[in-house]
C-alpha atoms as a PDB file:
ATOM      1  CA  MET A   1     -37.521 -30.994 -39.212  1.00  0.00           C
ATOM      2  CA  ARG A   2     -34.488 -33.114 -38.752  1.00  0.00           C
ATOM      3  CA  VAL A   3     -32.192 -30.274 -39.995  1.00  0.00           C
ATOM      4  CA  LEU A   4     -33.855 -27.885 -37.583  1.00  0.00           C
ATOM      5  CA  ARG A   5     -33.252 -30.333 -34.614  1.00  0.00           C
ATOM      6  CA  TYR A   6     -29.611 -30.725 -35.586  1.00  0.00           C
ATOM      7  CA  THR A   7     -29.186 -26.997 -36.063  1.00  0.00           C
ATOM      8  CA  ILE A   8     -30.601 -26.254 -32.539  1.00  0.00           C
ATOM      9  CA  LEU A   9     -28.451 -29.043 -31.115  1.00  0.00           C
ATOM     10  CA  ALA A  10     -25.364 -27.664 -32.855  1.00  0.00           C
ATOM     11  CA  ILE A  11     -26.044 -24.154 -31.448  1.00  0.00           C
ATOM     12  CA  ALA A  12     -26.631 -25.455 -27.976  1.00  0.00           C
ATOM     13  CA  LEU A  13     -23.374 -27.445 -28.080  1.00  0.00           C
ATOM     14  CA  ILE A  14     -21.487 -24.308 -29.274  1.00  0.00           C
ATOM     15  CA  LEU A  15     -22.897 -22.115 -26.551  1.00  0.00           C
ATOM     16  CA  TRP A  16     -22.195 -24.809 -23.992  1.00  0.00           C
ATOM     17  CA  GLY A  17     -18.640 -25.007 -25.290  1.00  0.00           C
ATOM     18  CA  ALA A  18     -18.281 -21.258 -24.669  1.00  0.00           C
ATOM     19  CA  GLY A  19     -19.004 -21.956 -21.153  1.00  0.00           C
ATOM     20  CA  LEU A  20     -16.270 -24.652 -21.000  1.00  0.00           C
ATOM     21  CA  SER A  21     -13.679 -23.368 -23.205  1.00  0.00           C
ATOM     22  CA  THR A  22     -11.897 -19.981 -23.303  1.00  0.00           C
ATOM     23  CA  THR A  23     -11.037 -20.630 -27.043  1.00  0.00           C
ATOM     24  CA  VAL A  24     -14.697 -21.169 -28.041  1.00  0.00           C
ATOM     25  CA  ALA A  25     -15.728 -18.116 -25.931  1.00  0.00           C
ATOM     26  CA  ARG A  26     -13.226 -15.902 -27.717  1.00  0.00           C
ATOM     27  CA  TRP A  27     -14.251 -17.099 -31.061  1.00  0.00           C
ATOM     28  CA  LEU A  28     -17.912 -16.268 -30.266  1.00  0.00           C
ATOM     29  CA  TYR A  29     -16.932 -13.021 -29.039  1.00  0.00           C
ATOM     30  CA  SER A  30     -14.950 -12.218 -32.192  1.00  0.00           C
ATOM     31  CA  ILE A  31     -17.880 -12.932 -34.505  1.00  0.00           C
ATOM     32  CA  GLY A  32     -20.338 -11.009 -32.266  1.00  0.00           C
ATOM     33  CA  VAL A  33     -22.380 -13.804 -30.755  1.00  0.00           C
ATOM     34  CA  ILE A  34     -21.057 -12.955 -27.330  1.00  0.00           C
ATOM     35  CA  ILE A  35     -21.046  -9.198 -26.351  1.00  0.00           C
ATOM     36  CA  ASP A  36     -18.849  -7.888 -23.580  1.00  0.00           C
ATOM     37  CA  ASP A  37     -21.114  -8.081 -20.475  1.00  0.00           C
ATOM     38  CA  TYR A  38     -18.807  -5.796 -18.566  1.00  0.00           C
ATOM     39  CA  ARG A  39     -19.652  -2.974 -20.869  1.00  0.00           C
ATOM     40  CA  TYR A  40     -21.863  -1.271 -18.237  1.00  0.00           C
ATOM     41  CA  GLY A  41     -19.601  -2.063 -15.314  1.00  0.00           C
ATOM     42  CA  ASP A  42     -18.579  -4.961 -13.376  1.00  0.00           C
ATOM     43  CA  LEU A  43     -21.085  -4.207 -10.461  1.00  0.00           C
ATOM     44  CA  TYR A  44     -23.988  -3.777 -12.903  1.00  0.00           C
ATOM     45  CA  ARG A  45     -22.966  -7.047 -14.446  1.00  0.00           C
ATOM     46  CA  ILE A  46     -23.693  -9.000 -11.202  1.00  0.00           C
ATOM     47  CA  ALA A  47     -26.414  -6.668  -9.932  1.00  0.00           C
ATOM     48  CA  PRO A  48     -28.226  -5.053 -12.885  1.00  0.00           C
ATOM     49  CA  LEU A  49     -30.016  -2.111 -11.140  1.00  0.00           C
ATOM     50  CA  PRO A  50     -31.011   0.342 -13.664  1.00  0.00           C
ATOM     51  CA  GLN A  51     -30.068   3.468 -11.662  1.00  0.00           C
ATOM     52  CA  PHE A  52     -26.362   2.120 -11.717  1.00  0.00           C
ATOM     53  CA  LYS A  53     -26.284   1.401 -15.414  1.00  0.00           C
ATOM     54  CA  LEU A  54     -23.456   3.308 -17.137  1.00  0.00           C
ATOM     55  CA  SER A  55     -21.346   2.588 -20.161  1.00  0.00           C
ATOM     56  CA  GLN A  56     -17.773   2.247 -19.381  1.00  0.00           C
ATOM     57  CA  PRO A  57     -15.733   5.288 -20.501  1.00  0.00           C
ATOM     58  CA  THR A  58     -12.681   5.132 -22.720  1.00  0.00           C
ATOM     59  CA  CYS A  59     -10.085   7.278 -21.001  1.00  0.00           C
ATOM     60  CA  PRO A  60      -7.776   9.260 -23.185  1.00  0.00           C
ATOM     61  CA  SER A  61      -4.340   7.983 -23.676  1.00  0.00           C
ATOM     62  CA  SER A  62      -1.536  10.126 -22.219  1.00  0.00           C
ATOM     63  CA  ASN A  63       0.489   9.889 -25.378  1.00  0.00           C
ATOM     64  CA  ARG A  64       3.766  10.340 -23.422  1.00  0.00           C
ATOM     65  CA  SER A  65       6.998   9.996 -25.497  1.00  0.00           C
ATOM     66  CA  SER A  66       9.742   7.578 -24.667  1.00  0.00           C
ATOM     67  CA  ASP A  67      12.142   8.781 -22.146  1.00  0.00           C
ATOM     68  CA  THR A  68      15.755   9.749 -22.845  1.00  0.00           C
ATOM     69  CA  SER A  69      17.098   8.129 -19.622  1.00  0.00           C
ATOM     70  CA  SER A  70      16.003   4.677 -20.785  1.00  0.00           C
ATOM     71  CA  THR A  71      13.771   3.673 -17.735  1.00  0.00           C
ATOM     72  CA  HIS A  72      12.201   0.146 -18.087  1.00  0.00           C
ATOM     73  CA  LEU A  73       8.999  -0.166 -16.038  1.00  0.00           C
ATOM     74  CA  TYR A  74       7.463  -3.421 -14.810  1.00  0.00           C
ATOM     75  CA  ILE A  75       4.149  -3.687 -13.022  1.00  0.00           C
ATOM     76  CA  ILE A  76       2.705  -6.521 -10.954  1.00  0.00           C
ATOM     77  CA  GLY A  77      -0.949  -5.348 -10.564  1.00  0.00           C
ATOM     78  CA  ASP A  78      -4.638  -6.343 -10.631  1.00  0.00           C
ATOM     79  CA  SER A  79      -7.491  -5.267 -12.925  1.00  0.00           C
ATOM     80  CA  PHE A  80      -6.772  -1.429 -12.247  1.00  0.00           C
ATOM     81  CA  THR A  81      -3.544  -1.873 -14.370  1.00  0.00           C
ATOM     82  CA  GLU A  82      -5.167  -4.142 -17.089  1.00  0.00           C
ATOM     83  CA  PRO A  83      -4.157  -3.254 -20.737  1.00  0.00           C
ATOM     84  CA  GLN A  84      -7.483  -1.659 -21.434  1.00  0.00           C
ATOM     85  CA  ARG A  85      -6.831   0.709 -18.680  1.00  0.00           C
ATOM     86  CA  LEU A  86      -3.138   1.248 -18.873  1.00  0.00           C
ATOM     87  CA  THR A  87      -0.527   1.290 -21.540  1.00  0.00           C
ATOM     88  CA  LYS A  88       3.046   2.142 -22.151  1.00  0.00           C
ATOM     89  CA  SER A  89       1.991   5.575 -23.606  1.00  0.00           C
ATOM     90  CA  ASP A  90       0.850   6.511 -20.081  1.00  0.00           C
ATOM     91  CA  PHE A  91       4.434   6.750 -18.991  1.00  0.00           C
ATOM     92  CA  ARG A  92       7.541   8.258 -20.247  1.00  0.00           C
ATOM     93  CA  VAL A  93       9.553   4.906 -20.402  1.00  0.00           C
ATOM     94  CA  SER A  94      11.535   3.103 -23.046  1.00  0.00           C
ATOM     95  CA  HIS A  95      10.185  -0.272 -22.105  1.00  0.00           C
ATOM     96  CA  PHE A  96       7.019  -1.493 -20.347  1.00  0.00           C
ATOM     97  CA  GLN A  97       5.796  -4.928 -19.155  1.00  0.00           C
ATOM     98  CA  ARG A  98       2.872  -5.704 -16.881  1.00  0.00           C
ATOM     99  CA  VAL A  99       1.772  -9.114 -15.328  1.00  0.00           C
ATOM    100  CA  ALA A 100      -1.341  -9.866 -13.447  1.00  0.00           C
ATOM    101  CA  TRP A 101      -1.413 -11.371  -9.949  1.00  0.00           C
ATOM    102  CA  SER A 102      -1.651 -15.190 -10.047  1.00  0.00           C
ATOM    103  CA  TYR A 103       0.081 -15.257 -13.469  1.00  0.00           C
ATOM    104  CA  SER A 104       3.572 -15.647 -14.487  1.00  0.00           C
ATOM    105  CA  LEU A 105       5.723 -13.550 -16.753  1.00  0.00           C
ATOM    106  CA  PRO A 106       9.361 -14.354 -17.418  1.00  0.00           C
ATOM    107  CA  VAL A 107      11.501 -11.185 -18.014  1.00  0.00           C
ATOM    108  CA  GLN A 108      15.244 -10.391 -18.728  1.00  0.00           C
ATOM    109  CA  LEU A 109      16.414  -7.187 -17.142  1.00  0.00           C
ATOM    110  CA  ASP A 110      18.808  -4.975 -18.882  1.00  0.00           C
ATOM    111  CA  PRO A 111      21.547  -3.993 -16.242  1.00  0.00           C
ATOM    112  CA  GLY A 112      22.443  -0.965 -18.285  1.00  0.00           C
ATOM    113  CA  LYS A 113      18.944   0.544 -17.833  1.00  0.00           C
ATOM    114  CA  ARG A 114      16.945   1.932 -14.880  1.00  0.00           C
ATOM    115  CA  ASN A 115      14.806  -1.007 -14.038  1.00  0.00           C
ATOM    116  CA  VAL A 116      11.722   0.015 -11.954  1.00  0.00           C
ATOM    117  CA  LEU A 117       9.111  -2.313 -10.524  1.00  0.00           C
ATOM    118  CA  LEU A 118       5.706  -1.128  -9.331  1.00  0.00           C
ATOM    119  CA  ILE A 119       3.636  -3.501  -7.192  1.00  0.00           C
ATOM    120  CA  GLU A 120       0.000  -2.496  -7.425  1.00  0.00           C
ATOM    121  CA  SER A 121      -2.922  -4.109  -5.359  1.00  0.00           C
ATOM    122  CA  VAL A 122      -6.422  -3.054  -4.628  1.00  0.00           C
ATOM    123  CA  GLU A 123      -7.093  -2.859  -0.864  1.00  0.00           C
ATOM    124  CA  ARG A 124      -9.404  -5.925  -0.736  1.00  0.00           C
ATOM    125  CA  HIS A 125      -6.636  -8.195  -1.932  1.00  0.00           C
ATOM    126  CA  VAL A 126      -3.562  -6.757  -0.035  1.00  0.00           C
ATOM    127  CA  ARG A 127      -3.521  -9.486   2.728  1.00  0.00           C
ATOM    128  CA  GLU A 128      -4.208 -12.237   0.213  1.00  0.00           C
ATOM    129  CA  HIS A 129      -1.412 -11.084  -2.048  1.00  0.00           C
ATOM    130  CA  PHE A 130       1.279 -10.849   0.588  1.00  0.00           C
ATOM    131  CA  ARG A 131       0.461 -13.935   2.536  1.00  0.00           C
ATOM    132  CA  GLN A 132       3.093 -15.686   0.340  1.00  0.00           C
ATOM    133  CA  PRO A 133       6.099 -14.799  -1.663  1.00  0.00           C
ATOM    134  CA  VAL A 134       5.400 -12.583  -4.723  1.00  0.00           C
ATOM    135  CA  THR A 135       6.786 -14.520  -7.663  1.00  0.00           C
ATOM    136  CA  GLU A 136       4.550 -13.307 -10.669  1.00  0.00           C
ATOM    137  CA  LEU A 137       7.492 -11.509 -12.315  1.00  0.00           C
ATOM    138  CA  VAL A 138      10.146 -14.205 -13.031  1.00  0.00           C
ATOM    139  CA  VAL A 139      13.451 -12.610 -13.803  1.00  0.00           C
ATOM    140  CA  GLN A 140      15.711 -14.871 -15.849  1.00  0.00           C
ATOM    141  CA  SER A 141      18.133 -15.431 -12.837  1.00  0.00           C
ATOM    142  CA  ASP A 142      15.255 -16.184 -10.552  1.00  0.00           C
ATOM    143  CA  THR A 143      15.666 -19.680  -9.469  1.00  0.00           C
ATOM    144  CA  THR A 144      12.688 -19.879  -7.271  1.00  0.00           C
ATOM    145  CA  ARG A 145      10.598 -20.780 -10.356  1.00  0.00           C
ATOM    146  CA  LEU A 146      10.854 -23.577 -12.826  1.00  0.00           C
ATOM    147  CA  SER A 147      11.778 -23.040 -16.325  1.00  0.00           C
ATOM    148  CA  HIS A 148       8.854 -21.745 -18.424  1.00  0.00           C
ATOM    149  CA  GLU A 149       8.974 -24.160 -21.426  1.00  0.00           C
ATOM    150  CA  GLN A 150       5.881 -24.368 -23.666  1.00  0.00           C
ATOM    151  CA  PRO A 151       3.445 -26.958 -22.069  1.00  0.00           C
ATOM    152  CA  ALA A 152       2.422 -30.145 -23.777  1.00  0.00           C
ATOM    153  CA  LEU A 153      -0.504 -29.989 -26.176  1.00  0.00           C
ATOM    154  CA  TYR A 154      -2.738 -32.208 -23.780  1.00  0.00           C
ATOM    155  CA  LYS A 155      -1.813 -29.655 -20.915  1.00  0.00           C
ATOM    156  CA  ARG A 156      -2.837 -26.760 -22.996  1.00  0.00           C
ATOM    157  CA  ILE A 157      -6.124 -28.347 -23.881  1.00  0.00           C
ATOM    158  CA  TYR A 158      -6.749 -29.214 -20.214  1.00  0.00           C
ATOM    159  CA  ASP A 159      -5.978 -25.656 -19.173  1.00  0.00           C
ATOM    160  CA  ASP A 160      -8.416 -24.272 -21.756  1.00  0.00           C
ATOM    161  CA  PHE A 161     -11.277 -25.986 -20.072  1.00  0.00           C
ATOM    162  CA  HIS A 162     -12.971 -24.500 -17.117  1.00  0.00           C
ATOM    163  CA  ARG A 163     -14.651 -26.581 -14.453  1.00  0.00           C
ATOM    164  CA  SER A 164     -15.132 -24.105 -11.610  1.00  0.00           C
ATOM    165  CA  ASP A 165     -16.874 -21.214 -13.282  1.00  0.00           C
ATOM    166  CA  VAL A 166     -18.864 -22.923 -16.002  1.00  0.00           C
ATOM    167  CA  GLU A 167     -22.217 -21.520 -14.869  1.00  0.00           C
ATOM    168  CA  GLU A 168     -20.944 -17.941 -14.874  1.00  0.00           C
ATOM    169  CA  ARG A 169     -19.237 -18.207 -18.138  1.00  0.00           C
ATOM    170  CA  LEU A 170     -22.367 -19.883 -19.731  1.00  0.00           C
ATOM    171  CA  GLU A 171     -24.479 -17.221 -18.437  1.00  0.00           C
ATOM    172  CA  SER A 172     -22.197 -14.718 -20.073  1.00  0.00           C
ATOM    173  CA  ALA A 173     -22.456 -16.690 -23.389  1.00  0.00           C
ATOM    174  CA  LEU A 174     -26.335 -16.852 -23.227  1.00  0.00           C
ATOM    175  CA  PHE A 175     -27.281 -13.603 -21.693  1.00  0.00           C
ATOM    176  CA  SER A 176     -24.886 -10.773 -22.648  1.00  0.00           C
ATOM    177  CA  GLN A 177     -27.037  -9.115 -25.156  1.00  0.00           C
ATOM    178  CA  ASP A 178     -29.229  -6.001 -24.296  1.00  0.00           C
ATOM    179  CA  TRP A 179     -32.518  -7.880 -24.206  1.00  0.00           C
ATOM    180  CA  ALA A 180     -31.335 -10.067 -21.429  1.00  0.00           C
ATOM    181  CA  PHE A 181     -30.117  -7.150 -19.326  1.00  0.00           C
ATOM    182  CA  TRP A 182     -33.619  -5.695 -19.591  1.00  0.00           C
ATOM    183  CA  PHE A 183     -35.135  -8.755 -17.906  1.00  0.00           C
ATOM    184  CA  LYS A 184     -32.390  -8.858 -15.436  1.00  0.00           C
ATOM    185  CA  GLU A 185     -33.068  -5.168 -14.648  1.00  0.00           C
ATOM    186  CA  LEU A 186     -36.725  -5.810 -14.092  1.00  0.00           C
ATOM    187  CA  LYS A 187     -36.016  -8.621 -11.658  1.00  0.00           C
ATOM    188  CA  ALA A 188     -33.482  -6.685  -9.743  1.00  0.00           C
ATOM    189  CA  LYS A 189     -35.526  -3.447  -9.611  1.00  0.00           C
ATOM    190  CA  LEU A 190     -38.619  -5.458  -8.271  1.00  0.00           C
ATOM    191  CA  THR A 191     -36.605  -7.277  -5.712  1.00  0.00           C
ATOM    192  CA  LEU A 192     -35.234  -4.015  -4.397  1.00  0.00           C
ATOM    193  CA  ASP A 193     -38.478  -2.007  -4.459  1.00  0.00           C
ATOM    194  CA  TRP A 194     -40.577  -4.787  -3.052  1.00  0.00           C
ATOM    195  CA  PHE A 195     -38.247  -6.552  -0.614  1.00  0.00           C
ATOM    196  CA  ASN A 196     -35.553  -3.957  -0.181  1.00  0.00           C
ATOM    197  CA  ARG A 197     -32.922  -6.447  -1.055  1.00  0.00           C
ATOM    198  CA  ALA A 198     -30.056  -6.212  -3.695  1.00  0.00           C
ATOM    199  CA  TYR A 199     -28.130  -9.099  -5.080  1.00  0.00           C
ATOM    200  CA  THR A 200     -26.000 -10.902  -2.507  1.00  0.00           C
ATOM    201  CA  SER A 201     -22.873 -10.187  -4.484  1.00  0.00           C
ATOM    202  CA  VAL A 202     -23.271  -6.323  -3.809  1.00  0.00           C
ATOM    203  CA  SER A 203     -23.959  -3.916  -1.137  1.00  0.00           C
ATOM    204  CA  LEU A 204     -25.790  -0.646  -1.479  1.00  0.00           C
ATOM    205  CA  SER A 205     -24.686   2.345   0.467  1.00  0.00           C
ATOM    206  CA  ASN A 206     -27.112   3.522   3.388  1.00  0.00           C
ATOM    207  CA  ASN A 207     -28.431   6.255   1.151  1.00  0.00           C
ATOM    208  CA  HIS A 208     -28.707   3.849  -1.832  1.00  0.00           C
ATOM    209  CA  LYS A 209     -26.673   6.182  -3.967  1.00  0.00           C
ATOM    210  CA  HIS A 210     -23.749   3.899  -4.304  1.00  0.00           C
ATOM    211  CA  VAL A 211     -23.206   0.208  -4.990  1.00  0.00           C
ATOM    212  CA  PHE A 212     -20.157  -1.759  -3.741  1.00  0.00           C
ATOM    213  CA  LEU A 213     -18.776  -5.228  -4.076  1.00  0.00           C
ATOM    214  CA  HIS A 214     -20.222  -7.104  -1.044  1.00  0.00           C
ATOM    215  CA  SER A 215     -16.858  -8.531  -0.086  1.00  0.00           C
ATOM    216  CA  ASP A 216     -15.664  -4.969   0.547  1.00  0.00           C
ATOM    217  CA  THR A 217     -18.332  -4.382   3.154  1.00  0.00           C
ATOM    218  CA  ASP A 218     -19.003  -7.842   4.633  1.00  0.00           C
ATOM    219  CA  THR A 219     -17.543  -8.484   8.000  1.00  0.00           C
ATOM    220  CA  THR A 220     -18.420 -12.220   8.531  1.00  0.00           C
ATOM    221  CA  LYS A 221     -15.729 -14.633   8.948  1.00  0.00           C
ATOM    222  CA  ALA A 222     -15.865 -16.094   5.403  1.00  0.00           C
ATOM    223  CA  LYS A 223     -15.346 -12.576   3.720  1.00  0.00           C
ATOM    224  CA  ALA A 224     -13.466 -10.593   6.379  1.00  0.00           C
ATOM    225  CA  LEU A 225     -10.144 -10.957   4.575  1.00  0.00           C
ATOM    226  CA  ASN A 226     -11.360  -8.489   1.845  1.00  0.00           C
ATOM    227  CA  SER A 227     -13.539  -6.201   3.813  1.00  0.00           C
ATOM    228  CA  SER A 228     -12.592  -2.605   4.657  1.00  0.00           C
ATOM    229  CA  PHE A 229     -14.427  -2.995   7.889  1.00  0.00           C
ATOM    230  CA  SER A 230     -12.991  -6.181   9.289  1.00  0.00           C
ATOM    231  CA  PHE A 231     -10.717  -5.978  12.427  1.00  0.00           C
ATOM    232  CA  VAL A 232      -7.029  -6.273  11.573  1.00  0.00           C
ATOM    233  CA  THR A 233      -4.564  -6.562  14.382  1.00  0.00           C
ATOM    234  CA  ASP A 234      -1.298  -4.680  14.499  1.00  0.00           C
ATOM    235  CA  GLN A 235       0.433  -8.057  14.254  1.00  0.00           C
ATOM    236  CA  GLU A 236      -1.310  -8.710  10.976  1.00  0.00           C
ATOM    237  CA  VAL A 237      -0.344  -5.417   9.401  1.00  0.00           C
ATOM    238  CA  ASN A 238       3.216  -5.953  10.552  1.00  0.00           C
ATOM    239  CA  ALA A 239       3.280  -9.317   8.832  1.00  0.00           C
ATOM    240  CA  VAL A 240       2.115  -7.826   5.654  1.00  0.00           C
ATOM    241  CA  VAL A 241       4.750  -5.099   5.888  1.00  0.00           C
ATOM    242  CA  ASP A 242       7.465  -7.709   6.500  1.00  0.00           C
ATOM    243  CA  SER A 243       6.274  -9.578   3.498  1.00  0.00           C
ATOM    244  CA  ILE A 244       6.253  -6.467   1.241  1.00  0.00           C
ATOM    245  CA  ASN A 245       9.838  -5.740   2.516  1.00  0.00           C
ATOM    246  CA  ALA A 246      11.006  -9.243   1.861  1.00  0.00           C
ATOM    247  CA  ASN A 247       9.591  -9.341  -1.671  1.00  0.00           C
ATOM    248  CA  ALA A 248      11.083  -5.824  -2.507  1.00  0.00           C
ATOM    249  CA  ASP A 249      14.459  -7.004  -1.314  1.00  0.00           C
ATOM    250  CA  ARG A 250      14.349 -10.085  -3.335  1.00  0.00           C
ATOM    251  CA  TYR A 251      13.459  -8.216  -6.568  1.00  0.00           C
ATOM    252  CA  ARG A 252      16.167  -5.675  -5.885  1.00  0.00           C
ATOM    253  CA  LYS A 253      18.647  -8.673  -5.606  1.00  0.00           C
ATOM    254  CA  LEU A 254      17.299  -9.901  -8.831  1.00  0.00           C
ATOM    255  CA  GLY A 255      18.370  -6.687 -10.588  1.00  0.00           C
ATOM    256  CA  PHE A 256      15.631  -3.968 -10.046  1.00  0.00           C
ATOM    257  CA  ASN A 257      16.961  -0.577  -9.174  1.00  0.00           C
ATOM    258  CA  GLU A 258      13.948   0.549  -7.431  1.00  0.00           C
ATOM    259  CA  VAL A 259      10.652  -1.114  -6.155  1.00  0.00           C
ATOM    260  CA  TYR A 260       7.513   0.854  -5.272  1.00  0.00           C
ATOM    261  CA  LEU A 261       4.112  -0.031  -3.714  1.00  0.00           C
ATOM    262  CA  SER A 262       0.713   1.277  -4.738  1.00  0.00           C
ATOM    263  CA  LEU A 263      -2.404   0.366  -2.745  1.00  0.00           C
ATOM    264  CA  ILE A 264      -5.671   1.254  -4.396  1.00  0.00           C
ATOM    265  CA  PRO A 265      -8.653   1.897  -1.824  1.00  0.00           C
ATOM    266  CA  ASN A 266     -11.755  -0.096  -2.029  1.00  0.00           C
ATOM    267  CA  LYS A 267     -14.777   1.902  -3.293  1.00  0.00           C
ATOM    268  CA  ALA A 268     -16.623   1.552   0.049  1.00  0.00           C
ATOM    269  CA  SER A 269     -13.530   2.852   1.891  1.00  0.00           C
ATOM    270  CA  ILE A 270     -13.704   6.126   0.054  1.00  0.00           C
ATOM    271  CA  LEU A 271     -17.395   6.610  -0.540  1.00  0.00           C
ATOM    272  CA  GLU A 272     -18.682   5.404   2.773  1.00  0.00           C
ATOM    273  CA  PRO A 273     -15.986   4.968   5.316  1.00  0.00           C
ATOM    274  CA  ASP A 274     -18.380   5.514   8.344  1.00  0.00           C
ATOM    275  CA  ARG A 275     -20.465   2.323   7.260  1.00  0.00           C
ATOM    276  CA  GLY A 276     -18.754   0.536   9.872  1.00  0.00           C
ATOM    277  CA  VAL A 277     -15.429   0.617  11.919  1.00  0.00           C
ATOM    278  CA  TYR A 278     -12.982   1.278   8.948  1.00  0.00           C
ATOM    279  CA  ASN A 279      -9.760  -0.594   9.577  1.00  0.00           C
ATOM    280  CA  HIS A 280      -7.676   1.963   7.860  1.00  0.00           C
ATOM    281  CA  LEU A 281      -5.458  -0.886   6.353  1.00  0.00           C
ATOM    282  CA  ILE A 282      -3.772   1.214   3.589  1.00  0.00           C
ATOM    283  CA  GLU A 283      -2.647   3.950   5.982  1.00  0.00           C
ATOM    284  CA  ARG A 284      -1.420   1.558   8.632  1.00  0.00           C
ATOM    285  CA  ILE A 285       0.676  -0.187   6.038  1.00  0.00           C
ATOM    286  CA  GLN A 286       1.931   3.007   4.346  1.00  0.00           C
ATOM    287  CA  ASN A 287       2.787   4.727   7.715  1.00  0.00           C
ATOM    288  CA  ASN A 288       4.259   1.656   9.273  1.00  0.00           C
ATOM    289  CA  THR A 289       7.719   2.417  10.593  1.00  0.00           C
ATOM    290  CA  ARG A 290       8.993  -1.001   9.576  1.00  0.00           C
ATOM    291  CA  LEU A 291       8.074  -0.444   5.767  1.00  0.00           C
ATOM    292  CA  ARG A 292      11.238  -0.048   3.660  1.00  0.00           C
ATOM    293  CA  ILE A 293       9.637   0.564   0.275  1.00  0.00           C
ATOM    294  CA  PRO A 294       8.346   3.905  -1.186  1.00  0.00           C
ATOM    295  CA  THR A 295       4.768   4.190  -1.727  1.00  0.00           C
ATOM    296  CA  VAL A 296       2.370   5.830  -4.198  1.00  0.00           C
ATOM    297  CA  ASN A 297      -0.181   7.287  -1.747  1.00  0.00           C
ATOM    298  CA  THR A 298      -3.596   7.123  -3.569  1.00  0.00           C
ATOM    299  CA  TYR A 299      -5.689   6.891  -0.374  1.00  0.00           C
ATOM    300  CA  GLN A 300      -5.081  10.525   0.862  1.00  0.00           C
ATOM    301  CA  PRO A 301      -6.095  12.375  -2.448  1.00  0.00           C
ATOM    302  CA  PHE A 302      -9.096  10.039  -3.015  1.00  0.00           C
ATOM    303  CA  SER A 303     -10.415  10.514   0.544  1.00  0.00           C
ATOM    304  CA  GLN A 304     -10.006  14.171   0.304  1.00  0.00           C
ATOM    305  CA  HIS A 305     -12.189  14.363  -2.860  1.00  0.00           C
ATOM    306  CA  PRO A 306     -14.340  11.161  -2.780  1.00  0.00           C
ATOM    307  CA  THR A 307     -16.914  12.174  -5.448  1.00  0.00           C
ATOM    308  CA  GLY A 308     -15.948  11.434  -8.991  1.00  0.00           C
ATOM    309  CA  MET A 309     -13.156   9.013  -8.192  1.00  0.00           C
ATOM    310  CA  TYR A 310     -15.095   5.786  -8.846  1.00  0.00           C
ATOM    311  CA  LEU A 311     -17.495   4.671 -11.557  1.00  0.00           C
ATOM    312  CA  LYS A 312     -21.053   4.469 -10.632  1.00  0.00           C
ATOM    313  CA  SER A 313     -21.588   1.044 -11.995  1.00  0.00           C
ATOM    314  CA  ASP A 314     -18.082  -0.427 -11.355  1.00  0.00           C
ATOM    315  CA  THR A 315     -15.443  -1.101  -8.815  1.00  0.00           C
ATOM    316  CA  HIS A 316     -12.802   0.744 -10.787  1.00  0.00           C
ATOM    317  CA  TRP A 317     -11.980   4.511 -10.977  1.00  0.00           C
ATOM    318  CA  THR A 318     -13.269   7.139 -13.414  1.00  0.00           C
ATOM    319  CA  CYS A 319     -11.007   8.819 -15.893  1.00  0.00           C
ATOM    320  CA  ASP A 320     -10.408  11.574 -13.327  1.00  0.00           C
ATOM    321  CA  GLY A 321      -9.412   8.979 -10.539  1.00  0.00           C
ATOM    322  CA  ARG A 322      -7.165   7.293 -13.077  1.00  0.00           C
ATOM    323  CA  ALA A 323      -5.501  10.693 -14.036  1.00  0.00           C
ATOM    324  CA  ILE A 324      -4.829  11.277 -10.376  1.00  0.00           C
ATOM    325  CA  TRP A 325      -3.290   7.930  -9.922  1.00  0.00           C
ATOM    326  CA  LEU A 326      -1.117   8.293 -13.102  1.00  0.00           C
ATOM    327  CA  ASN A 327       0.160  11.733 -11.920  1.00  0.00           C
ATOM    328  CA  LEU A 328       1.082  10.331  -8.469  1.00  0.00           C
ATOM    329  CA  VAL A 329       2.922   7.374 -10.080  1.00  0.00           C
ATOM    330  CA  ARG A 330       4.757   9.775 -12.444  1.00  0.00           C
ATOM    331  CA  GLN A 331       5.892  12.087  -9.742  1.00  0.00           C
ATOM    332  CA  LYS A 332       7.105   9.284  -7.451  1.00  0.00           C
ATOM    333  CA  LEU A 333       8.752   7.227  -9.978  1.00  0.00           C
ATOM    334  CA  ARG A 334       9.961  10.160 -12.053  1.00  0.00           C
ATOM    335  CA  ILE A 335       8.609   8.667 -15.362  1.00  0.00           C
END
């Protein structure tokens, strides 16, 4: 009996550790105790309505060979350009590096190569990303950042522990299996059928055929910065454009030959633009006469052919949407 109690206690401590520590969570994931709870989509994960359950596709690699002009491509981007969605093989380049927003990547540019920077952001985060200098990509001669020495052991241990999102991480550790999703589906379906309510983190389209991230549709003061339907003044748009120009100028001075901008529309902006008064943020930035940086215009082709661009259970694009974006990037950047 004592052995059983200690075994249960040990299991509970390990699972609790997964909620606190990234290292523990990755170990449990590697041995199959935790399963990827994004496997049916990020929207299904937070609002498991069975009608929106869809396994995430694996888009085929482009398998493009390395270029002969020695182009080095660097990307500052969000989840649309994560490694599971984008790799070097999708471009004809001889070197490829990508850093996520809010992270830091030191790089050393080769002055003998064509160094190209693509700054990518989903629509909901554009105003957040350009409220301050973009310093995620740290060029060796960039003096705006401190040196990136290996942090001390105590600092690495401290950073490994999460304090703000323990509950969410613990839920992933405990309830990532299919049996748990079955119960979640039942609860979500009954709540929608009986009370006509979805989870507060998502919004359903008016015809209930699509599910969106709630921040993309919410126009209350707390969420308005992300919403496609919040009011945005011309002064705010100009401020964003000025910030984009300033960041592009800075990176060109640091050694980049070319800097490009790619803004990805929110799912709601494409599939239900008449839900409210759409603020047309992407168009207003791209068509602004003050903008001094070339853009990869994804909004226009997506809005012309909205169906099939976004996954049913996810905020991200389908393989077709991804292919359209890649072709636009290749044409614009000549890679």
